[in-house]
Protein backbone atom coordinates (compact mmCIF):
# COMPACT_ATOMS: atom_id res chain seq x y z
CA MET A 1 0.00 0.00 0.00
CA ILE A 2 1.36 3.40 -0.94
CA MET A 3 0.94 6.42 1.30
CA LEU A 4 -0.46 9.46 -0.45
CA ASP A 5 0.93 12.94 0.10
CA HIS A 6 -2.51 14.24 1.02
CA TYR A 7 -5.74 12.70 2.33
CA ASP A 8 -9.14 14.39 2.16
CA PHE A 9 -11.04 14.10 5.45
CA SER A 10 -13.62 16.75 4.61
CA ASN A 11 -16.41 14.12 4.48
CA ALA A 12 -15.18 12.16 7.50
CA VAL A 13 -17.68 11.09 10.15
CA LYS A 14 -16.88 11.76 13.81
CA ASN A 15 -16.48 8.62 15.94
CA PRO A 16 -19.82 8.27 17.78
CA PHE A 17 -18.09 6.38 20.61
CA ALA A 18 -15.36 8.97 21.21
CA GLU A 19 -17.24 10.63 24.07
CA VAL A 20 -17.82 7.38 25.98
CA LEU A 21 -14.25 6.10 25.92
CA ASN A 22 -12.83 5.09 29.29
CA GLU A 23 -10.29 7.29 31.00
CA ASN A 24 -7.13 5.89 32.51
CA ARG A 25 -7.03 6.07 36.30
CA THR A 26 -4.33 5.08 38.73
CA VAL A 27 -5.41 3.16 41.80
CA LYS A 28 -2.81 1.94 44.28
CA LEU A 29 -3.60 -1.54 45.57
CA ASP A 30 -1.96 -3.54 48.33
CA ASP A 31 0.26 -6.35 47.09
CA ASP A 32 -1.99 -9.07 48.49
CA VAL A 33 -5.03 -7.54 46.78
CA MET A 34 -3.18 -7.35 43.48
CA ASP A 35 -1.95 -10.94 43.86
CA TYR A 36 -5.49 -12.11 44.55
CA PHE A 37 -6.91 -10.50 41.42
CA LEU A 38 -3.96 -11.54 39.26
CA ASP A 39 -4.40 -15.14 40.39
CA LEU A 40 -8.17 -15.01 39.84
CA SER A 41 -7.65 -13.40 36.45
CA ASP A 42 -5.30 -16.20 35.46
CA LYS A 43 -7.60 -18.96 36.75
CA GLU A 44 -10.72 -17.53 35.12
CA ARG A 45 -8.87 -16.52 31.96
CA ILE A 46 -10.28 -13.01 32.18
CA PRO A 47 -8.03 -9.99 31.61
CA LEU A 48 -7.19 -8.30 34.91
CA GLN A 49 -8.72 -4.96 33.92
CA THR A 50 -11.96 -6.66 32.87
CA LEU A 51 -12.12 -8.71 36.07
CA VAL A 52 -11.63 -5.73 38.39
CA ASN A 53 -14.10 -3.71 36.34
CA LEU A 54 -16.70 -6.49 36.62
CA TYR A 55 -16.24 -6.62 40.40
CA LEU A 56 -16.70 -2.87 40.70
CA ILE A 57 -19.72 -2.89 38.38
CA ASP A 58 -21.27 -5.62 40.54
CA CYS A 59 -20.71 -3.49 43.66
CA MET A 60 -22.23 -0.48 41.96
CA LYS A 61 -25.30 -2.27 40.55
CA ASN A 62 -26.02 -4.04 43.84
CA HIS A 63 -25.36 -0.94 45.96
CA ARG A 64 -22.86 -2.83 48.07
CA LYS A 65 -21.59 -0.94 51.09
CA LEU A 66 -18.38 -1.68 52.94
CA THR A 67 -18.84 -2.27 56.65
CA MET A 68 -15.67 -1.58 58.56
CA SER A 69 -14.32 -0.18 61.80
CA TRP A 70 -11.00 1.09 63.11
CA ASP A 71 -9.20 -0.31 66.12
CA SER A 72 -7.17 1.76 68.56
CA LYS A 73 -4.04 1.39 66.43
CA MET A 74 -5.87 2.73 63.36
CA ASN A 75 -6.04 -0.65 61.68
CA VAL A 76 -9.15 -1.27 59.66
CA LYS A 77 -11.36 -4.26 60.38
CA ILE A 78 -13.77 -5.32 57.66
CA SER A 79 -17.01 -6.91 58.80
CA GLU A 80 -18.58 -9.70 56.79
């Protein structure tokens, strides 16, 4: 295929999905949390990003709330 010197985009159509593209975010996770999801991702053969996204979507759709408390040394305790 030969590249042209000029391309005419005057009749181009804007990508209708461009406004709904995901944004990159940085979230710092503890090593044991990362290991857990990496292992689960490998076992289930689901890409890590997809797996974590599915977990968060499930929390959002089911209105899950974290129940936790702090001890005197400021360590968090998660209730089940």
